[in-house]
Structures are given as structure tokens and as C-alpha cells.
Amino acid sequence: MLLRVLAIGDVVSDTGLDCLRRHLRGLQKEHGVHFTVVNGENAAGLGLLPHHAEEMLDAGADVITLGNHTWSKRKICDYLDSSPTILRPANYAPGLPGRGFGVYDGPEGLRIGVLNLMGRFQLDSNLSSPFRAADRILAGPGQDCDVLLVDFHAEATSEKGAMGWYLDGRVQAVWGTHTHVPTADTQIFPQGTGFLTDLGMTGPDRSVLGIRPEHSINRFLGGLPTRYAPAPGAAKLNGALFTIDTQRRVCVDVVRCDIRE
């Protein structure tokens, strides 16, 4: 079959949550989406709480992925252990709450594996290698999956691109999150892996990465530190649709799916 997977960029603040609630179901219906992965690590500004995760699942997410702000709200720790539908980066230190890989039921009995990884460049050099973590999981529980999807939460476009090429032919889709700026490089690599450097974000449109522009400007002008606050006003939703031929186990199409209110 042709499996349609929708990936949604980092949800930022209540504005992003509201935007997701208003548009996700319609987007899924319009494109015949079978499975949806939403990055939710900025739902509370920095991090998220259990009720944010529940709101995203109610809005239509099948799986929620996280990133470098996973631990910003410690109340999420127990939820990470108890809920199989939320993932944190798999290359965090062993023994931390939660999981970085999950296997989910798809249409026609498909087993869909979702892997959440985090880059090390300018994020956290104490992480284990995301490349080696991918090798370990693909050689282990990933072997039992019909489709494999990867959310790579990373700062550097080069690290994201390297991961895409590294996993080409071993997974069906790799997309980047974290930088909140949508990229236009949708492509399919030679061995059939669909790729996009960054999905973008779902949150305040007239902003700097979701926050009030004046707060970011103040920082770059050397002003006194201030607490970042979400920008007011209209929202946008950034994402991408991956179409996967499950018989051949290759991605056959990647297109951006963006909404601006």
C-alpha cells in the first residue's frame, strides 16, 4: 500500500497547540494521512507537561517526539515511562525516564517504528552518538518493523543531512526538527529514504522562532537577560507529508504541508 505519514514541526506554546487543534484533523483528511508524528518539546515554551501531550494526542497525533528541552518540565518524567506514545531522544544516557523508540500499529497490520534522536553539535556533547544509537536500534527492535521513521532533533543542517545519507535505504523517512525554520529541500535519497532538513514549527507566525521579536533583539543587542515569552497573534503550522510504498519499503514522495493563518 501507499502509506501517508504526516510529520509536524515543533509545537510552540499554547498558540501552537491551538493551531494544531484547529488544523490537524483537516490536514489529515485532505491528504488521506494514515499516521502522524508531532514534535512537542516546546509546547510549554520550554518542555511540556502531561496535559500538553494529551492535548496533542486528542488533536490527532499518533506519536509525540521530543528533543533538548525534554527535561525542562520534570513533571513529564513519570508520563514518559507510562505512555508509549511519547518518545524522547534515544541517545540520552541509559537509565533516564522514557524511551527513544516505539513500534506502533498501522493500517493493514503494518508495524511502524518511530525513532527519536538528538544531534550533538551545539546541543549536548555528552549525548552518545546518534549515529551509533540508530545502528543499535535498527539492528535490534527495528528489525521487526515494516516501516521506520526518524525524527532527528539537531542544530546543524550538516549533521541532519549526514544522518539522512547514513540511514538511506535502512529507514523510509528522516526529518529534522529543532531549528523552527522550514527548509525547502524535500528529496528522496538514492536508496529510497525520504528526507527534509527541518520541518519548521507550529506556533506564533510573526515571531523569532516563536518568541516575541523584541526579546530576541534585546539579547543580540547585549541587553539584560529577560524571560522569553511567546509572540502574540496569528499562528502557522509547518510539516511534511511522506508517501511510502510499503511493499518496496521506499519513500516515493515528499511534500511540504504548511498552513499560515
Protein backbone atom coordinates (compact mmCIF):
# COMPACT_ATOMS: atom_id res chain seq x y z
CA MET A 1 0.00 0.00 0.00
CA LEU A 2 0.93 3.67 -0.15
CA LEU A 3 1.30 4.78 3.47
CA ARG A 4 0.96 8.52 4.04
CA VAL A 5 2.91 9.79 7.04
CA LEU A 6 2.48 13.36 8.26
CA ALA A 7 5.29 14.92 10.32
CA ILE A 8 4.56 18.18 12.18
CA GLY A 9 7.24 20.62 13.31
CA ASP A 10 7.90 21.70 16.90
CA VAL A 11 4.70 22.84 18.63
CA VAL A 12 5.42 26.13 20.41
CA SER A 13 3.29 27.42 23.31
CA ASP A 14 -0.49 27.48 23.65
CA THR A 15 -0.65 29.24 20.29
CA GLY A 16 0.89 26.20 18.62
CA LEU A 17 -1.39 23.81 20.50
CA ASP A 18 -4.47 25.78 19.44
CA CYS A 19 -3.26 25.84 15.85
CA LEU A 20 -2.72 22.08 15.91
CA ARG A 21 -6.25 21.53 17.26
CA ARG A 22 -7.76 23.73 14.57
CA HIS A 23 -5.94 22.29 11.57
CA LEU A 24 -4.50 18.81 12.11
CA ARG A 25 -7.67 16.78 11.54
CA GLY A 26 -8.48 18.70 8.38
CA LEU A 27 -4.96 18.25 7.05
CA GLN A 28 -5.12 14.53 7.74
CA LYS A 29 -8.44 14.23 5.91
CA GLU A 30 -7.29 16.35 2.95
CA HIS A 31 -4.20 14.21 2.32
CA GLY A 32 -5.51 10.80 3.40
CA VAL A 33 -2.97 10.57 6.22
CA HIS A 34 -2.57 7.19 7.92
CA PHE A 35 -0.03 8.09 10.65
CA THR A 36 1.05 11.36 12.27
CA VAL A 37 4.15 12.25 14.29
CA VAL A 38 4.24 15.60 16.12
CA ASN A 39 7.29 17.13 17.81
CA GLY A 40 6.02 18.64 21.07
CA GLU A 41 9.07 19.69 23.05
CA ASN A 42 8.19 23.40 23.12
CA ALA A 43 4.50 23.12 24.00
CA ALA A 44 5.18 24.78 27.36
CA GLY A 45 7.67 27.23 25.86
CA LEU A 46 10.50 25.04 27.08
CA GLY A 47 9.49 21.42 27.53
CA LEU A 48 5.98 20.14 28.02
CA LEU A 49 3.64 18.81 30.68
CA PRO A 50 1.46 15.70 30.56
CA HIS A 51 -1.67 17.69 29.75
CA HIS A 52 0.09 19.18 26.69
CA ALA A 53 0.87 15.68 25.45
CA GLU A 54 -2.74 14.61 25.96
CA GLU A 55 -3.95 17.66 24.03
CA MET A 56 -1.69 16.79 21.09
CA LEU A 57 -2.90 13.19 21.06
CA ASP A 58 -6.51 14.38 21.21
CA ALA A 59 -5.79 16.71 18.28
CA GLY A 60 -4.75 13.75 16.12
CA ALA A 61 -1.10 12.91 16.86
CA ASP A 62 -0.27 9.20 16.89
CA VAL A 63 3.20 9.74 18.36
CA ILE A 64 4.87 12.72 20.08
CA THR A 65 8.63 13.24 19.84
CA LEU A 66 10.85 15.48 21.96
CA GLY A 67 14.37 16.95 21.99
CA ASN A 68 16.77 19.07 24.01
CA HIS A 69 14.02 20.51 26.25
CA THR A 70 12.76 17.08 27.30
CA TRP A 71 13.70 17.64 30.94
CA SER A 72 12.68 21.31 31.22
CA LYS A 73 9.45 20.28 32.96
CA ARG A 74 10.28 17.45 35.35
CA LYS A 75 6.61 16.54 35.81
CA ILE A 76 6.84 14.85 32.42
CA CYS A 77 9.21 12.14 33.71
CA ASP A 78 6.57 9.72 35.03
CA TYR A 79 4.48 10.28 31.90
CA LEU A 80 7.45 9.33 29.72
CA ASP A 81 7.64 5.99 31.49
CA SER A 82 3.92 5.28 31.42
CA SER A 83 2.90 6.44 27.94
CA PRO A 84 4.23 4.52 24.90
CA THR A 85 3.04 7.25 22.52
CA ILE A 86 5.64 9.83 23.62
CA LEU A 87 9.33 9.47 22.79
CA ARG A 88 12.45 11.30 23.95
CA PRO A 89 15.81 11.09 22.15
CA ALA A 90 17.14 7.53 22.22
CA ASN A 91 20.76 8.66 22.69
CA TYR A 92 20.20 10.16 26.14
CA ALA A 93 22.07 8.35 28.91
CA PRO A 94 20.77 4.89 29.85
CA GLY A 95 18.51 4.82 32.87
CA LEU A 96 16.73 8.10 32.21
CA PRO A 97 12.92 8.03 32.09
CA GLY A 98 11.13 7.12 28.90
CA ARG A 99 12.09 5.52 25.62
CA GLY A 100 13.52 6.69 22.32
CA PHE A 101 11.99 4.10 20.03
CA GLY A 102 8.48 2.75 19.72
CA VAL A 103 6.59 0.36 17.47
CA TYR A 104 3.00 1.23 16.58
CA ASP A 105 0.14 -0.45 14.75
CA GLY A 106 -0.58 0.97 11.30
CA PRO A 107 -3.18 0.16 8.65
CA GLU A 108 -3.37 -3.35 7.20
CA GLY A 109 -1.38 -4.74 10.12
CA LEU A 110 1.75 -2.68 9.40
CA ARG A 111 4.24 -2.26 12.21
CA ILE A 112 5.54 1.30 12.19
CA GLY A 113 8.74 2.07 14.08
CA VAL A 114 9.46 5.65 15.18
CA LEU A 115 12.95 6.63 16.34
CA ASN A 116 13.72 9.93 18.10
CA LEU A 117 17.37 11.03 18.06
CA MET A 118 19.20 14.22 19.05
CA GLY A 119 22.26 15.77 17.48
CA ARG A 120 25.39 16.67 19.44
CA PHE A 121 26.68 19.75 17.61
CA GLN A 122 25.89 22.84 19.78
CA LEU A 123 23.30 20.91 21.77
CA ASP A 124 24.81 18.41 24.21
CA SER A 125 28.15 16.79 23.54
CA ASN A 126 27.55 14.42 26.49
CA LEU A 127 24.97 12.56 24.46
CA SER A 128 26.02 9.28 22.95
CA SER A 129 26.40 9.24 19.18
CA PRO A 130 23.00 9.42 17.46
CA PHE A 131 24.52 7.50 14.54
CA ARG A 132 25.57 4.60 16.76
CA ALA A 133 22.25 4.72 18.60
CA ALA A 134 20.47 4.37 15.25
CA ASP A 135 22.69 1.39 14.34
CA ARG A 136 21.89 -0.31 17.64
CA ILE A 137 18.13 0.14 17.39
CA LEU A 138 17.89 -0.78 13.71
CA ALA A 139 19.86 -3.95 14.38
CA GLY A 140 17.59 -4.75 17.35
CA PRO A 141 13.89 -3.90 17.71
CA GLY A 142 13.84 -2.07 14.40
CA GLN A 143 14.25 -5.34 12.53
CA ASP A 144 10.65 -6.29 13.27
CA CYS A 145 9.17 -3.15 11.63
CA ASP A 146 7.64 -2.78 8.20
CA VAL A 147 8.24 0.99 8.14
CA LEU A 148 10.85 3.05 10.01
CA LEU A 149 10.61 6.80 10.64
CA VAL A 150 13.23 9.05 12.25
CA ASP A 151 12.82 12.47 13.89
CA PHE A 152 16.36 13.88 14.20
CA HIS A 153 16.34 16.83 16.59
CA ALA A 154 19.52 18.72 15.75
CA GLU A 155 21.00 22.18 15.32
CA ALA A 156 23.37 21.74 12.39
CA THR A 157 21.98 21.23 8.92
CA SER A 158 25.14 19.28 8.09
CA GLU A 159 24.52 16.82 10.94
CA LYS A 160 20.93 16.35 9.80
CA GLY A 161 21.99 15.80 6.21
CA ALA A 162 24.67 13.33 7.27
CA MET A 163 22.10 11.35 9.24
CA GLY A 164 19.78 11.21 6.24
CA TRP A 165 22.50 9.84 4.00
CA TYR A 166 23.73 7.49 6.73
CA LEU A 167 20.29 5.90 7.06
CA ASP A 168 19.46 5.89 3.34
CA GLY A 169 17.95 2.53 2.44
CA ARG A 170 17.65 1.45 6.08
CA VAL A 171 14.66 3.62 7.01
CA GLN A 172 11.86 5.10 4.93
CA ALA A 173 11.89 8.69 6.22
CA VAL A 174 14.20 11.06 8.10
CA TRP A 175 13.20 14.60 9.01
CA GLY A 176 14.85 17.26 11.12
CA THR A 177 13.37 19.29 13.95
CA HIS A 178 14.64 21.90 16.45
CA THR A 179 15.60 24.97 14.41
CA HIS A 180 11.96 26.09 13.86
CA VAL A 181 12.75 27.30 10.33
CA PRO A 182 11.20 25.25 7.50
CA THR A 183 13.56 24.13 4.75
CA ALA A 184 12.69 23.57 1.09
CA ASP A 185 14.93 20.58 0.38
CA THR A 186 12.37 17.77 0.22
CA GLN A 187 14.08 14.85 -1.52
CA ILE A 188 14.39 11.11 -1.84
CA PHE A 189 17.87 9.64 -1.49
CA PRO A 190 19.19 7.00 -3.94
CA GLN A 191 18.21 4.00 -1.80
CA GLY A 192 14.67 5.27 -1.18
CA THR A 193 14.75 7.28 2.05
CA GLY A 194 12.64 10.45 2.09
CA PHE A 195 14.36 13.42 3.71
CA LEU A 196 13.79 17.01 4.82
CA THR A 197 16.36 19.03 6.80
CA ASP A 198 13.81 20.78 9.03
CA LEU A 199 10.04 20.72 9.31
CA GLY A 200 9.81 24.19 10.86
CA MET A 201 7.43 24.88 13.74
CA THR A 202 3.79 25.11 14.71
CA GLY A 203 3.21 28.29 16.69
CA PRO A 204 3.27 32.11 16.54
CA ASP A 205 3.82 33.25 12.96
CA ARG A 206 5.08 36.83 13.44
CA SER A 207 7.89 35.93 15.78
CA VAL A 208 11.52 34.91 16.09
CA LEU A 209 11.33 31.12 16.36
CA GLY A 210 8.03 31.51 18.19
CA ILE A 211 9.04 34.17 20.72
CA ARG A 212 8.45 37.92 20.83
CA PRO A 213 10.90 39.57 18.38
CA GLU A 214 11.87 42.26 20.90
CA HIS A 215 13.10 39.62 23.35
CA SER A 216 15.42 38.11 20.76
CA ILE A 217 16.59 41.55 19.59
CA ASN A 218 17.35 42.53 23.19
CA ARG A 219 19.60 39.51 23.56
CA PHE A 220 21.59 40.28 20.41
CA LEU A 221 21.98 43.92 21.46
CA GLY A 222 23.52 42.83 24.76
CA GLY A 223 20.60 43.85 26.96
CA LEU A 224 19.77 42.46 30.37
CA PRO A 225 18.52 38.87 30.21
CA THR A 226 14.75 38.60 30.01
CA ARG A 227 12.40 35.66 30.16
CA TYR A 228 11.37 34.68 26.65
CA ALA A 229 7.63 34.88 26.02
CA PRO A 230 5.61 33.57 23.08
CA ALA A 231 4.70 36.13 20.45
CA PRO A 232 1.03 37.12 20.18
CA GLY A 233 -1.11 36.98 17.07
CA ALA A 234 -1.78 34.54 14.26
CA ALA A 235 -0.22 31.10 14.05
CA LYS A 236 1.27 28.83 11.42
CA LEU A 237 1.65 25.07 11.07
CA ASN A 238 4.72 23.58 9.37
CA GLY A 239 5.05 19.96 8.38
CA ALA A 240 5.69 17.47 5.61
CA LEU A 241 3.92 14.50 4.06
CA PHE A 242 5.91 11.36 3.25
CA THR A 243 4.33 8.78 0.94
CA ILE A 244 5.83 5.33 1.44
CA ASP A 245 5.45 2.26 -0.76
CA THR A 246 5.26 -0.40 1.93
CA GLN A 247 5.81 -3.32 -0.46
CA ARG A 248 9.08 -1.94 -1.81
CA ARG A 249 9.86 -0.25 1.54
CA VAL A 250 10.84 3.03 -0.11
CA CYS A 251 9.58 6.59 0.04
CA VAL A 252 8.07 7.68 -3.27
CA ASP A 253 7.12 11.30 -2.50
CA VAL A 254 7.88 14.09 -0.03
CA VAL A 255 5.95 17.37 0.01
CA ARG A 256 5.67 20.20 2.47
CA CYS A 257 2.29 20.76 4.19
CA ASP A 258 2.18 24.29 5.58
CA ILE A 259 -0.68 26.41 6.87
CA ARG A 260 -0.47 30.12 7.66
CA GLU A 261 -3.42 31.70 9.40
